[in-house]
Amino acid sequence: MAKIFLIVAALNGLLAVAIGAFGAHALKAKLTPDLMVVYQTAVQYHFYHLLALSVVGLLLLQWPTSRYLQCSGWLFIAGICLFAGSLYILALTGLRWLGAITPLGGLAFIAAWLSMALGLYHSQ
């Protein structure tokens, strides 16, 4: 599981850099200022949580059977998809109803951090 999370984190690093650069260069003149802020927020949270996913992968090298850490990794992946993904799509399409999905990603992030903490607490 550690290897899977580390690979997914690395691929998300690639995506976050590419998506961030695309926004900075190709979208800056096309998006309204408020949608550009939404896009930048998505990139920021994408980066923060791909780094957290990397930490989970590294922790799983030490404690490979930790169900809490495994759960944390999947929740970080879900959070990236739901939170950053919904904000990227909202910024690009202007479909405001997508903002209703974003808090589900935020809840996944919160649960992922809690699960990571519990995994560390219960580790031996």
PDB file of N, CA and C in Angstrom:
ATOM      1  N   MET A   1       0.823  -1.193   0.000  1.00  0.00           N
ATOM      2  CA  MET A   1       0.000   0.000   0.000  1.00  0.00           C
ATOM      3  C   MET A   1       0.871   1.262   0.000  1.00  0.00           C
ATOM      4  N   ALA A   2       2.001   1.193   0.707  1.00  0.00           N
ATOM      5  CA  ALA A   2       2.893   2.358   0.771  1.00  0.00           C
ATOM      6  C   ALA A   2       3.324   2.781  -0.631  1.00  0.00           C
ATOM      7  N   LYS A   3       3.700   1.796  -1.441  1.00  0.00           N
ATOM      8  CA  LYS A   3       4.181   2.093  -2.792  1.00  0.00           C
ATOM      9  C   LYS A   3       3.076   2.736  -3.626  1.00  0.00           C
ATOM     10  N   ILE A   4       1.857   2.231  -3.492  1.00  0.00           N
ATOM     11  CA  ILE A   4       0.724   2.793  -4.240  1.00  0.00           C
ATOM     12  C   ILE A   4       0.529   4.261  -3.875  1.00  0.00           C
ATOM     13  N   PHE A   5       0.514   4.562  -2.573  1.00  0.00           N
ATOM     14  CA  PHE A   5       0.302   5.942  -2.143  1.00  0.00           C
ATOM     15  C   PHE A   5       1.449   6.847  -2.589  1.00  0.00           C
ATOM     16  N   LEU A   6       2.665   6.348  -2.557  1.00  0.00           N
ATOM     17  CA  LEU A   6       3.800   7.163  -2.997  1.00  0.00           C
ATOM     18  C   LEU A   6       3.744   7.418  -4.499  1.00  0.00           C
ATOM     19  N   ILE A   7       3.344   6.428  -5.267  1.00  0.00           N
ATOM     20  CA  ILE A   7       3.203   6.622  -6.715  1.00  0.00           C
ATOM     21  C   ILE A   7       2.078   7.604  -7.021  1.00  0.00           C
ATOM     22  N   VAL A   8       0.935   7.442  -6.337  1.00  0.00           N
ATOM     23  CA  VAL A   8      -0.192   8.362  -6.553  1.00  0.00           C
ATOM     24  C   VAL A   8       0.207   9.781  -6.157  1.00  0.00           C
ATOM     25  N   ALA A   9       0.955   9.919  -5.067  1.00  0.00           N
ATOM     26  CA  ALA A   9       1.418  11.246  -4.644  1.00  0.00           C
ATOM     27  C   ALA A   9       2.344  11.848  -5.696  1.00  0.00           C
ATOM     28  N   ALA A  10       3.260  11.039  -6.230  1.00  0.00           N
ATOM     29  CA  ALA A  10       4.184  11.543  -7.253  1.00  0.00           C
ATOM     30  C   ALA A  10       3.427  11.980  -8.506  1.00  0.00           C
ATOM     31  N   LEU A  11       2.466  11.185  -8.923  1.00  0.00           N
ATOM     32  CA  LEU A  11       1.672  11.549 -10.101  1.00  0.00           C
ATOM     33  C   LEU A  11       0.829  12.793  -9.835  1.00  0.00           C
ATOM     34  N   ASN A  12       0.354  12.931  -8.603  1.00  0.00           N
ATOM     35  CA  ASN A  12      -0.385  14.142  -8.250  1.00  0.00           C
ATOM     36  C   ASN A  12       0.528  15.351  -8.207  1.00  0.00           C
ATOM     37  N   GLY A  13       1.784  15.155  -7.847  1.00  0.00           N
ATOM     38  CA  GLY A  13       2.753  16.249  -7.921  1.00  0.00           C
ATOM     39  C   GLY A  13       2.920  16.718  -9.347  1.00  0.00           C
ATOM     40  N   LEU A  14       3.045  15.772 -10.260  1.00  0.00           N
ATOM     41  CA  LEU A  14       3.137  16.100 -11.674  1.00  0.00           C
ATOM     42  C   LEU A  14       1.900  16.876 -12.123  1.00  0.00           C
ATOM     43  N   LEU A  15       0.720  16.376 -11.757  1.00  0.00           N
ATOM     44  CA  LEU A  15      -0.529  17.035 -12.141  1.00  0.00           C
ATOM     45  C   LEU A  15      -0.647  18.435 -11.553  1.00  0.00           C
ATOM     46  N   ALA A  16      -0.319  18.562 -10.272  1.00  0.00           N
ATOM     47  CA  ALA A  16      -0.466  19.859  -9.617  1.00  0.00           C
ATOM     48  C   ALA A  16       0.454  20.908 -10.243  1.00  0.00           C
ATOM     49  N   VAL A  17       1.671  20.515 -10.578  1.00  0.00           N
ATOM     50  CA  VAL A  17       2.584  21.461 -11.230  1.00  0.00           C
ATOM     51  C   VAL A  17       2.043  21.839 -12.608  1.00  0.00           C
ATOM     52  N   ALA A  18       1.620  20.839 -13.372  1.00  0.00           N
ATOM     53  CA  ALA A  18       1.113  21.104 -14.724  1.00  0.00           C
ATOM     54  C   ALA A  18      -0.159  21.954 -14.688  1.00  0.00           C
ATOM     55  N   ILE A  19      -1.074  21.610 -13.785  1.00  0.00           N
ATOM     56  CA  ILE A  19      -2.328  22.356 -13.672  1.00  0.00           C
ATOM     57  C   ILE A  19      -2.071  23.771 -13.175  1.00  0.00           C
ATOM     58  N   GLY A  20      -1.153  23.901 -12.210  1.00  0.00           N
ATOM     59  CA  GLY A  20      -0.807  25.230 -11.708  1.00  0.00           C
ATOM     60  C   GLY A  20      -0.176  26.103 -12.779  1.00  0.00           C
ATOM     61  N   ALA A  21       0.739  25.526 -13.549  1.00  0.00           N
ATOM     62  CA  ALA A  21       1.382  26.278 -14.631  1.00  0.00           C
ATOM     63  C   ALA A  21       0.371  26.657 -15.714  1.00  0.00           C
ATOM     64  N   PHE A  22      -0.522  25.731 -16.036  1.00  0.00           N
ATOM     65  CA  PHE A  22      -1.564  26.010 -17.014  1.00  0.00           C
ATOM     66  C   PHE A  22      -2.417  27.192 -16.554  1.00  0.00           C
ATOM     67  N   GLY A  23      -2.777  27.192 -15.282  1.00  0.00           N
ATOM     68  CA  GLY A  23      -3.576  28.295 -14.745  1.00  0.00           C
ATOM     69  C   GLY A  23      -2.837  29.612 -14.779  1.00  0.00           C
ATOM     70  N   ALA A  24      -1.568  29.579 -14.409  1.00  0.00           N
ATOM     71  CA  ALA A  24      -0.782  30.816 -14.360  1.00  0.00           C
ATOM     72  C   ALA A  24      -0.524  31.402 -15.739  1.00  0.00           C
ATOM     73  N   HIS A  25      -0.396  30.543 -16.740  1.00  0.00           N
ATOM     74  CA  HIS A  25      -0.028  31.035 -18.062  1.00  0.00           C
ATOM     75  C   HIS A  25      -1.192  31.101 -19.044  1.00  0.00           C
ATOM     76  N   ALA A  26      -2.014  30.087 -19.077  1.00  0.00           N
ATOM     77  CA  ALA A  26      -3.071  30.027 -20.096  1.00  0.00           C
ATOM     78  C   ALA A  26      -4.414  30.579 -19.623  1.00  0.00           C
ATOM     79  N   LEU A  27      -4.646  30.532 -18.322  1.00  0.00           N
ATOM     80  CA  LEU A  27      -5.977  30.915 -17.836  1.00  0.00           C
ATOM     81  C   LEU A  27      -6.042  32.306 -17.224  1.00  0.00           C
ATOM     82  N   LYS A  28      -4.910  32.866 -16.864  1.00  0.00           N
ATOM     83  CA  LYS A  28      -4.906  34.141 -16.149  1.00  0.00           C
ATOM     84  C   LYS A  28      -5.717  35.214 -16.878  1.00  0.00           C
ATOM     85  N   ALA A  29      -5.620  35.282 -18.176  1.00  0.00           N
ATOM     86  CA  ALA A  29      -6.341  36.296 -18.948  1.00  0.00           C
ATOM     87  C   ALA A  29      -7.773  35.870 -19.267  1.00  0.00           C
ATOM     88  N   LYS A  30      -8.081  34.595 -19.073  1.00  0.00           N
ATOM     89  CA  LYS A  30      -9.397  34.084 -19.460  1.00  0.00           C
ATOM     90  C   LYS A  30     -10.381  33.969 -18.300  1.00  0.00           C
ATOM     91  N   LEU A  31      -9.875  33.766 -17.090  1.00  0.00           N
ATOM     92  CA  LEU A  31     -10.748  33.614 -15.937  1.00  0.00           C
ATOM     93  C   LEU A  31     -10.984  34.961 -15.254  1.00  0.00           C
ATOM     94  N   THR A  32     -12.166  35.107 -14.703  1.00  0.00           N
ATOM     95  CA  THR A  32     -12.435  36.301 -13.891  1.00  0.00           C
ATOM     96  C   THR A  32     -11.555  36.226 -12.648  1.00  0.00           C
ATOM     97  N   PRO A  33     -11.299  37.351 -12.001  1.00  0.00           N
ATOM     98  CA  PRO A  33     -10.456  37.319 -10.803  1.00  0.00           C
ATOM     99  C   PRO A  33     -10.979  36.373  -9.712  1.00  0.00           C
ATOM    100  N   ASP A  34     -12.311  36.343  -9.507  1.00  0.00           N
ATOM    101  CA  ASP A  34     -12.836  35.454  -8.461  1.00  0.00           C
ATOM    102  C   ASP A  34     -12.665  33.986  -8.834  1.00  0.00           C
ATOM    103  N   LEU A  35     -12.791  33.633 -10.110  1.00  0.00           N
ATOM    104  CA  LEU A  35     -12.573  32.247 -10.523  1.00  0.00           C
ATOM    105  C   LEU A  35     -11.090  31.887 -10.512  1.00  0.00           C
ATOM    106  N   MET A  36     -10.230  32.868 -10.731  1.00  0.00           N
ATOM    107  CA  MET A  36      -8.789  32.619 -10.631  1.00  0.00           C
ATOM    108  C   MET A  36      -8.408  32.294  -9.184  1.00  0.00           C
ATOM    109  N   VAL A  37      -9.033  32.961  -8.231  1.00  0.00           N
ATOM    110  CA  VAL A  37      -8.790  32.671  -6.817  1.00  0.00           C
ATOM    111  C   VAL A  37      -9.244  31.243  -6.495  1.00  0.00           C
ATOM    112  N   VAL A  38     -10.382  30.846  -7.024  1.00  0.00           N
ATOM    113  CA  VAL A  38     -10.881  29.481  -6.829  1.00  0.00           C
ATOM    114  C   VAL A  38      -9.863  28.484  -7.380  1.00  0.00           C
ATOM    115  N   TYR A  39      -9.372  28.744  -8.575  1.00  0.00           N
ATOM    116  CA  TYR A  39      -8.395  27.868  -9.223  1.00  0.00           C
ATOM    117  C   TYR A  39      -7.116  27.769  -8.388  1.00  0.00           C
ATOM    118  N   GLN A  40      -6.632  28.917  -7.913  1.00  0.00           N
ATOM    119  CA  GLN A  40      -5.413  28.934  -7.099  1.00  0.00           C
ATOM    120  C   GLN A  40      -5.609  28.192  -5.775  1.00  0.00           C
ATOM    121  N   THR A  41      -6.791  28.299  -5.198  1.00  0.00           N
ATOM    122  CA  THR A  41      -7.099  27.560  -3.970  1.00  0.00           C
ATOM    123  C   THR A  41      -7.028  26.059  -4.236  1.00  0.00           C
ATOM    124  N   ALA A  42      -7.573  25.627  -5.368  1.00  0.00           N
ATOM    125  CA  ALA A  42      -7.520  24.215  -5.734  1.00  0.00           C
ATOM    126  C   ALA A  42      -6.072  23.743  -5.850  1.00  0.00           C
ATOM    127  N   VAL A  43      -5.232  24.535  -6.505  1.00  0.00           N
ATOM    128  CA  VAL A  43      -3.826  24.156  -6.675  1.00  0.00           C
ATOM    129  C   VAL A  43      -3.139  24.065  -5.312  1.00  0.00           C
ATOM    130  N   GLN A  44      -3.386  25.033  -4.438  1.00  0.00           N
ATOM    131  CA  GLN A  44      -2.764  25.020  -3.107  1.00  0.00           C
ATOM    132  C   GLN A  44      -3.141  23.767  -2.331  1.00  0.00           C
ATOM    133  N   TYR A  45      -4.434  23.489  -2.240  1.00  0.00           N
ATOM    134  CA  TYR A  45      -4.876  22.326  -1.476  1.00  0.00           C
ATOM    135  C   TYR A  45      -4.430  21.025  -2.133  1.00  0.00           C
ATOM    136  N   HIS A  46      -4.349  21.005  -3.436  1.00  0.00           N
ATOM    137  CA  HIS A  46      -3.835  19.846  -4.153  1.00  0.00           C
ATOM    138  C   HIS A  46      -2.402  19.564  -3.692  1.00  0.00           C
ATOM    139  N   PHE A  47      -1.568  20.606  -3.681  1.00  0.00           N
ATOM    140  CA  PHE A  47      -0.174  20.445  -3.254  1.00  0.00           C
ATOM    141  C   PHE A  47      -0.073  20.025  -1.790  1.00  0.00           C
ATOM    142  N   TYR A  48      -0.767  20.724  -0.901  1.00  0.00           N
ATOM    143  CA  TYR A  48      -0.674  20.392   0.523  1.00  0.00           C
ATOM    144  C   TYR A  48      -0.979  18.921   0.758  1.00  0.00           C
ATOM    145  N   HIS A  49      -2.022  18.445   0.104  1.00  0.00           N
ATOM    146  CA  HIS A  49      -2.493  17.108   0.424  1.00  0.00           C
ATOM    147  C   HIS A  49      -1.791  16.012  -0.362  1.00  0.00           C
ATOM    148  N   LEU A  50      -1.143  16.333  -1.474  1.00  0.00           N
ATOM    149  CA  LEU A  50      -0.286  15.330  -2.096  1.00  0.00           C
ATOM    150  C   LEU A  50       0.950  15.132  -1.225  1.00  0.00           C
ATOM    151  N   LEU A  51       1.395  16.189  -0.564  1.00  0.00           N
ATOM    152  CA  LEU A  51       2.512  16.048   0.375  1.00  0.00           C
ATOM    153  C   LEU A  51       2.099  15.207   1.585  1.00  0.00           C
ATOM    154  N   ALA A  52       0.884  15.419   2.074  1.00  0.00           N
ATOM    155  CA  ALA A  52       0.376  14.605   3.184  1.00  0.00           C
ATOM    156  C   ALA A  52       0.261  13.143   2.760  1.00  0.00           C
ATOM    157  N   LEU A  53      -0.196  12.901   1.540  1.00  0.00           N
ATOM    158  CA  LEU A  53      -0.283  11.537   1.029  1.00  0.00           C
ATOM    159  C   LEU A  53       1.108  10.899   0.966  1.00  0.00           C
ATOM    160  N   SER A  54       2.113  11.678   0.600  1.00  0.00           N
ATOM    161  CA  SER A  54       3.487  11.179   0.595  1.00  0.00           C
ATOM    162  C   SER A  54       3.922  10.771   2.001  1.00  0.00           C
ATOM    163  N   VAL A  55       3.571  11.577   2.979  1.00  0.00           N
ATOM    164  CA  VAL A  55       3.907  11.253   4.372  1.00  0.00           C
ATOM    165  C   VAL A  55       3.233   9.946   4.771  1.00  0.00           C
ATOM    166  N   VAL A  56       1.975   9.777   4.414  1.00  0.00           N
ATOM    167  CA  VAL A  56       1.275   8.530   4.728  1.00  0.00           C
ATOM    168  C   VAL A  56       2.012   7.348   4.094  1.00  0.00           C
ATOM    169  N   GLY A  57       2.400   7.492   2.824  1.00  0.00           N
ATOM    170  CA  GLY A  57       3.151   6.425   2.166  1.00  0.00           C
ATOM    171  C   GLY A  57       4.435   6.087   2.905  1.00  0.00           C
ATOM    172  N   LEU A  58       5.148   7.095   3.341  1.00  0.00           N
ATOM    173  CA  LEU A  58       6.391   6.872   4.086  1.00  0.00           C
ATOM    174  C   LEU A  58       6.120   6.234   5.449  1.00  0.00           C
ATOM    175  N   LEU A  59       5.065   6.667   6.112  1.00  0.00           N
ATOM    176  CA  LEU A  59       4.714   6.061   7.397  1.00  0.00           C
ATOM    177  C   LEU A  59       4.332   4.587   7.231  1.00  0.00           C
ATOM    178  N   LEU A  60       3.682   4.278   6.127  1.00  0.00           N
ATOM    179  CA  LEU A  60       3.302   2.885   5.884  1.00  0.00           C
ATOM    180  C   LEU A  60       4.506   1.987   5.618  1.00  0.00           C
ATOM    181  N   LEU A  61       5.627   2.559   5.237  1.00  0.00           N
ATOM    182  CA  LEU A  61       6.849   1.761   5.130  1.00  0.00           C
ATOM    183  C   LEU A  61       7.274   1.266   6.507  1.00  0.00           C
ATOM    184  N   GLN A  62       7.001   2.073   7.528  1.00  0.00           N
ATOM    185  CA  GLN A  62       7.335   1.714   8.913  1.00  0.00           C
ATOM    186  C   GLN A  62       6.254   0.827   9.540  1.00  0.00           C
ATOM    187  N   TRP A  63       5.000   1.132   9.275  1.00  0.00           N
ATOM    188  CA  TRP A  63       3.876   0.397   9.862  1.00  0.00           C
ATOM    189  C   TRP A  63       2.926  -0.067   8.752  1.00  0.00           C
ATOM    190  N   PRO A  64       3.323  -1.072   7.979  1.00  0.00           N
ATOM    191  CA  PRO A  64       2.565  -1.461   6.781  1.00  0.00           C
ATOM    192  C   PRO A  64       1.172  -2.030   7.047  1.00  0.00           C
ATOM    193  N   THR A  65       0.898  -2.461   8.255  1.00  0.00           N
ATOM    194  CA  THR A  65      -0.415  -3.052   8.530  1.00  0.00           C
ATOM    195  C   THR A  65      -1.385  -2.078   9.192  1.00  0.00           C
ATOM    196  N   SER A  66      -0.980  -0.842   9.366  1.00  0.00           N
ATOM    197  CA  SER A  66      -1.838   0.134  10.042  1.00  0.00           C
ATOM    198  C   SER A  66      -3.072   0.454   9.197  1.00  0.00           C
ATOM    199  N   ARG A  67      -4.218   0.031   9.683  1.00  0.00           N
ATOM    200  CA  ARG A  67      -5.478   0.311   8.976  1.00  0.00           C
ATOM    201  C   ARG A  67      -5.790   1.807   9.001  1.00  0.00           C
ATOM    202  N   TYR A  68      -5.428   2.476  10.085  1.00  0.00           N
ATOM    203  CA  TYR A  68      -5.660   3.919  10.160  1.00  0.00           C
ATOM    204  C   TYR A  68      -4.871   4.664   9.084  1.00  0.00           C
ATOM    205  N   LEU A  69      -3.606   4.296   8.908  1.00  0.00           N
ATOM    206  CA  LEU A  69      -2.785   4.959   7.903  1.00  0.00           C
ATOM    207  C   LEU A  69      -3.273   4.634   6.490  1.00  0.00           C
ATOM    208  N   GLN A  70      -3.668   3.396   6.256  1.00  0.00           N
ATOM    209  CA  GLN A  70      -4.214   3.036   4.951  1.00  0.00           C
ATOM    210  C   GLN A  70      -5.484   3.839   4.665  1.00  0.00           C
ATOM    211  N   CYS A  71      -6.349   3.938   5.661  1.00  0.00           N
ATOM    212  CA  CYS A  71      -7.581   4.729   5.515  1.00  0.00           C
ATOM    213  C   CYS A  71      -7.243   6.193   5.247  1.00  0.00           C
ATOM    214  N   SER A  72      -6.249   6.701   5.943  1.00  0.00           N
ATOM    215  CA  SER A  72      -5.823   8.084   5.762  1.00  0.00           C
ATOM    216  C   SER A  72      -5.398   8.331   4.315  1.00  0.00           C
ATOM    217  N   GLY A  73      -4.628   7.432   3.756  1.00  0.00           N
ATOM    218  CA  GLY A  73      -4.182   7.588   2.375  1.00  0.00           C
ATOM    219  C   GLY A  73      -5.343   7.650   1.401  1.00  0.00           C
ATOM    220  N   TRP A  74      -6.306   6.736   1.549  1.00  0.00           N
ATOM    221  CA  TRP A  74      -7.465   6.740   0.644  1.00  0.00           C
ATOM    222  C   TRP A  74      -8.311   7.992   0.826  1.00  0.00           C
ATOM    223  N   LEU A  75      -8.407   8.457   2.074  1.00  0.00           N
ATOM    224  CA  LEU A  75      -9.169   9.685   2.322  1.00  0.00           C
ATOM    225  C   LEU A  75      -8.470  10.904   1.723  1.00  0.00           C
ATOM    226  N   PHE A  76      -7.144  10.944   1.770  1.00  0.00           N
ATOM    227  CA  PHE A  76      -6.434  12.049   1.120  1.00  0.00           C
ATOM    228  C   PHE A  76      -6.670  12.027  -0.399  1.00  0.00           C
ATOM    229  N   ILE A  77      -6.656  10.850  -0.987  1.00  0.00           N
ATOM    230  CA  ILE A  77      -6.928  10.741  -2.423  1.00  0.00           C
ATOM    231  C   ILE A  77      -8.341  11.223  -2.731  1.00  0.00           C
ATOM    232  N   ALA A  78      -9.305  10.770  -1.930  1.00  0.00           N
ATOM    233  CA  ALA A  78     -10.695  11.206  -2.132  1.00  0.00           C
ATOM    234  C   ALA A  78     -10.816  12.715  -1.963  1.00  0.00           C
ATOM    235  N   GLY A  79     -10.148  13.263  -0.955  1.00  0.00           N
ATOM    236  CA  GLY A  79     -10.199  14.699  -0.719  1.00  0.00           C
ATOM    237  C   GLY A  79      -9.622  15.495  -1.871  1.00  0.00           C
ATOM    238  N   ILE A  80      -8.501  15.026  -2.427  1.00  0.00           N
ATOM    239  CA  ILE A  80      -7.903  15.715  -3.572  1.00  0.00           C
ATOM    240  C   ILE A  80      -8.888  15.724  -4.737  1.00  0.00           C
ATOM    241  N   CYS A  81      -9.471  14.561  -5.010  1.00  0.00           N
ATOM    242  CA  CYS A  81     -10.415  14.465  -6.135  1.00  0.00           C
ATOM    243  C   CYS A  81     -11.641  15.342  -5.915  1.00  0.00           C
ATOM    244  N   LEU A  82     -12.228  15.265  -4.725  1.00  0.00           N
ATOM    245  CA  LEU A  82     -13.470  15.996  -4.465  1.00  0.00           C
ATOM    246  C   LEU A  82     -13.236  17.483  -4.245  1.00  0.00           C
ATOM    247  N   PHE A  83     -12.260  17.831  -3.428  1.00  0.00           N
ATOM    248  CA  PHE A  83     -12.033  19.241  -3.100  1.00  0.00           C
ATOM    249  C   PHE A  83     -11.376  19.972  -4.268  1.00  0.00           C
ATOM    250  N   ALA A  84     -10.149  19.573  -4.577  1.00  0.00           N
ATOM    251  CA  ALA A  84      -9.436  20.267  -5.660  1.00  0.00           C
ATOM    252  C   ALA A  84     -10.143  20.046  -6.992  1.00  0.00           C
ATOM    253  N   GLY A  85     -10.577  18.817  -7.233  1.00  0.00           N
ATOM    254  CA  GLY A  85     -11.242  18.521  -8.501  1.00  0.00           C
ATOM    255  C   GLY A  85     -12.477  19.359  -8.738  1.00  0.00           C
ATOM    256  N   SER A  86     -13.318  19.482  -7.718  1.00  0.00           N
ATOM    257  CA  SER A  86     -14.541  20.281  -7.890  1.00  0.00           C
ATOM    258  C   SER A  86     -14.205  21.759  -8.092  1.00  0.00           C
ATOM    259  N   LEU A  87     -13.174  22.246  -7.421  1.00  0.00           N
ATOM    260  CA  LEU A  87     -12.788  23.648  -7.601  1.00  0.00           C
ATOM    261  C   LEU A  87     -12.182  23.900  -8.974  1.00  0.00           C
ATOM    262  N   TYR A  88     -11.386  22.957  -9.471  1.00  0.00           N
ATOM    263  CA  TYR A  88     -10.843  23.101 -10.829  1.00  0.00           C
ATOM    264  C   TYR A  88     -11.988  23.191 -11.841  1.00  0.00           C
ATOM    265  N   ILE A  89     -12.925  22.268 -11.723  1.00  0.00           N
ATOM    266  CA  ILE A  89     -14.045  22.248 -12.678  1.00  0.00           C
ATOM    267  C   ILE A  89     -14.907  23.497 -12.534  1.00  0.00           C
ATOM    268  N   LEU A  90     -15.156  23.918 -11.292  1.00  0.00           N
ATOM    269  CA  LEU A  90     -15.933  25.139 -11.059  1.00  0.00           C
ATOM    270  C   LEU A  90     -15.252  26.334 -11.724  1.00  0.00           C
ATOM    271  N   ALA A  91     -13.935  26.458 -11.518  1.00  0.00           N
ATOM    272  CA  ALA A  91     -13.210  27.600 -12.086  1.00  0.00           C
ATOM    273  C   ALA A  91     -13.243  27.582 -13.611  1.00  0.00           C
ATOM    274  N   LEU A  92     -13.128  26.415 -14.192  1.00  0.00           N
ATOM    275  CA  LEU A  92     -13.080  26.311 -15.655  1.00  0.00           C
ATOM    276  C   LEU A  92     -14.444  26.434 -16.325  1.00  0.00           C
ATOM    277  N   THR A  93     -15.493  26.026 -15.615  1.00  0.00           N
ATOM    278  CA  THR A  93     -16.825  26.024 -16.236  1.00  0.00           C
ATOM    279  C   THR A  93     -17.738  27.125 -15.711  1.00  0.00           C
ATOM    280  N   GLY A  94     -17.449  27.618 -14.506  1.00  0.00           N
ATOM    281  CA  GLY A  94     -18.326  28.605 -13.883  1.00  0.00           C
ATOM    282  C   GLY A  94     -19.577  27.992 -13.275  1.00  0.00           C
ATOM    283  N   LEU A  95     -19.676  26.670 -13.262  1.00  0.00           N
ATOM    284  CA  LEU A  95     -20.851  25.996 -12.690  1.00  0.00           C
ATOM    285  C   LEU A  95     -20.776  26.044 -11.166  1.00  0.00           C
ATOM    286  N   ARG A  96     -21.476  26.988 -10.598  1.00  0.00           N
ATOM    287  CA  ARG A  96     -21.392  27.241  -9.149  1.00  0.00           C
ATOM    288  C   ARG A  96     -21.921  26.089  -8.295  1.00  0.00           C
ATOM    289  N   TRP A  97     -22.839  25.276  -8.839  1.00  0.00           N
ATOM    290  CA  TRP A  97     -23.389  24.172  -8.048  1.00  0.00           C
ATOM    291  C   TRP A  97     -22.310  23.163  -7.672  1.00  0.00           C
ATOM    292  N   LEU A  98     -21.188  23.163  -8.397  1.00  0.00           N
ATOM    293  CA  LEU A  98     -20.088  22.261  -8.054  1.00  0.00           C
ATOM    294  C   LEU A  98     -19.489  22.601  -6.694  1.00  0.00           C
ATOM    295  N   GLY A  99     -19.695  23.822  -6.255  1.00  0.00           N
ATOM    296  CA  GLY A  99     -19.233  24.223  -4.929  1.00  0.00           C
ATOM    297  C   GLY A  99     -19.866  23.405  -3.825  1.00  0.00           C
ATOM    298  N   ALA A 100     -20.993  22.768  -4.106  1.00  0.00           N
ATOM    299  CA  ALA A 100     -21.645  21.919  -3.105  1.00  0.00           C
ATOM    300  C   ALA A 100     -20.868  20.631  -2.866  1.00  0.00           C
ATOM    301  N   ILE A 101     -20.033  20.233  -3.813  1.00  0.00           N
ATOM    302  CA  ILE A 101     -19.226  19.014  -3.681  1.00  0.00           C
ATOM    303  C   ILE A 101     -17.966  19.282  -2.869  1.00  0.00           C
ATOM    304  N   THR A 102     -17.462  20.484  -2.958  1.00  0.00           N
ATOM    305  CA  THR A 102     -16.188  20.842  -2.336  1.00  0.00           C
ATOM    306  C   THR A 102     -16.135  20.516  -0.843  1.00  0.00           C
ATOM    307  N   PRO A 103     -17.182  20.807  -0.051  1.00  0.00           N
ATOM    308  CA  PRO A 103     -17.102  20.481   1.377  1.00  0.00           C
ATOM    309  C   PRO A 103     -16.948  18.982   1.663  1.00  0.00           C
ATOM    310  N   LEU A 104     -17.421  18.137   0.764  1.00  0.00           N
ATOM    311  CA  LEU A 104     -17.223  16.694   0.951  1.00  0.00           C
ATOM    312  C   LEU A 104     -15.734  16.365   0.886  1.00  0.00           C
ATOM    313  N   GLY A 105     -15.029  17.033  -0.009  1.00  0.00           N
ATOM    314  CA  GLY A 105     -13.583  16.873  -0.062  1.00  0.00           C
ATOM    315  C   GLY A 105     -12.917  17.397   1.194  1.00  0.00           C
ATOM    316  N   GLY A 106     -13.423  18.516   1.710  1.00  0.00           N
ATOM    317  CA  GLY A 106     -12.892  19.053   2.965  1.00  0.00           C
ATOM    318  C   GLY A 106     -13.092  18.087   4.120  1.00  0.00           C
ATOM    319  N   LEU A 107     -14.255  17.451   4.165  1.00  0.00           N
ATOM    320  CA  LEU A 107     -14.509  16.448   5.207  1.00  0.00           C
ATOM    321  C   LEU A 107     -13.574  15.252   5.043  1.00  0.00           C
ATOM    322  N   ALA A 108     -13.312  14.858   3.805  1.00  0.00           N
ATOM    323  CA  ALA A 108     -12.365  13.763   3.570  1.00  0.00           C
ATOM    324  C   ALA A 108     -10.972  14.145   4.071  1.00  0.00           C
ATOM    325  N   PHE A 109     -10.556  15.395   3.831  1.00  0.00           N
ATOM    326  CA  PHE A 109      -9.261  15.849   4.335  1.00  0.00           C
ATOM    327  C   PHE A 109      -9.217  15.804   5.865  1.00  0.00           C
ATOM    328  N   ILE A 110     -10.261  16.296   6.503  1.00  0.00           N
ATOM    329  CA  ILE A 110     -10.305  16.293   7.972  1.00  0.00           C
ATOM    330  C   ILE A 110     -10.223  14.867   8.503  1.00  0.00           C
ATOM    331  N   ALA A 111     -11.001  13.966   7.906  1.00  0.00           N
ATOM    332  CA  ALA A 111     -10.993  12.565   8.331  1.00  0.00           C
ATOM    333  C   ALA A 111      -9.623  11.931   8.075  1.00  0.00           C
ATOM    334  N   ALA A 112      -8.971  12.317   6.971  1.00  0.00           N
ATOM    335  CA  ALA A 112      -7.649  11.781   6.654  1.00  0.00           C
ATOM    336  C   ALA A 112      -6.618  12.199   7.703  1.00  0.00           C
ATOM    337  N   TRP A 113      -6.654  13.462   8.085  1.00  0.00           N
ATOM    338  CA  TRP A 113      -5.716  13.931   9.116  1.00  0.00           C
ATOM    339  C   TRP A 113      -5.980  13.233  10.452  1.00  0.00           C
ATOM    340  N   LEU A 114      -7.252  13.075  10.803  1.00  0.00           N
ATOM    341  CA  LEU A 114      -7.595  12.370  12.043  1.00  0.00           C
ATOM    342  C   LEU A 114      -7.119  10.921  11.979  1.00  0.00           C
ATOM    343  N   SER A 115      -7.358  10.273  10.870  1.00  0.00           N
ATOM    344  CA  SER A 115      -6.942   8.885  10.707  1.00  0.00           C
ATOM    345  C   SER A 115      -5.419   8.758  10.775  1.00  0.00           C
ATOM    346  N   MET A 116      -4.704   9.731  10.214  1.00  0.00           N
ATOM    347  CA  MET A 116      -3.248   9.722  10.315  1.00  0.00           C
ATOM    348  C   MET A 116      -2.822   9.840  11.779  1.00  0.00           C
ATOM    349  N   ALA A 117      -3.450  10.750  12.500  1.00  0.00           N
ATOM    350  CA  ALA A 117      -3.114  10.931  13.918  1.00  0.00           C
ATOM    351  C   ALA A 117      -3.388   9.651  14.706  1.00  0.00           C
ATOM    352  N   LEU A 118      -4.524   9.018  14.435  1.00  0.00           N
ATOM    353  CA  LEU A 118      -4.856   7.769  15.135  1.00  0.00           C
ATOM    354  C   LEU A 118      -3.871   6.666  14.760  1.00  0.00           C
ATOM    355  N   GLY A 119      -3.473   6.631  13.503  1.00  0.00           N
ATOM    356  CA  GLY A 119      -2.484   5.637  13.091  1.00  0.00           C
ATOM    357  C   GLY A 119      -1.173   5.814  13.805  1.00  0.00           C
ATOM    358  N   LEU A 120      -0.751   7.052  13.969  1.00  0.00           N
ATOM    359  CA  LEU A 120       0.494   7.314  14.685  1.00  0.00           C
ATOM    360  C   LEU A 120       0.334   7.012  16.173  1.00  0.00           C
ATOM    361  N   TYR A 121      -0.799   7.348  16.732  1.00  0.00           N
ATOM    362  CA  TYR A 121      -1.046   7.088  18.149  1.00  0.00           C
ATOM    363  C   TYR A 121      -1.007   5.592  18.450  1.00  0.00           C
ATOM    364  N   HIS A 122      -1.591   4.798  17.568  1.00  0.00           N
ATOM    365  CA  HIS A 122      -1.680   3.360  17.795  1.00  0.00           C
ATOM    366  C   HIS A 122      -0.465   2.582  17.292  1.00  0.00           C
ATOM    367  N   SER A 123       0.496   3.265  16.674  1.00  0.00           N
ATOM    368  CA  SER A 123       1.667   2.561  16.153  1.00  0.00           C
ATOM    369  C   SER A 123       2.579   2.124  17.283  1.00  0.00           C
ATOM    370  N   GLN A 124       3.336   1.072  16.994  1.00  0.00           N
ATOM    371  CA  GLN A 124       4.246   0.546  18.029  1.00  0.00           C
ATOM    372  C   GLN A 124       5.660   0.571  17.558  1.00  0.00           C
TER     373      GLN A 124
END
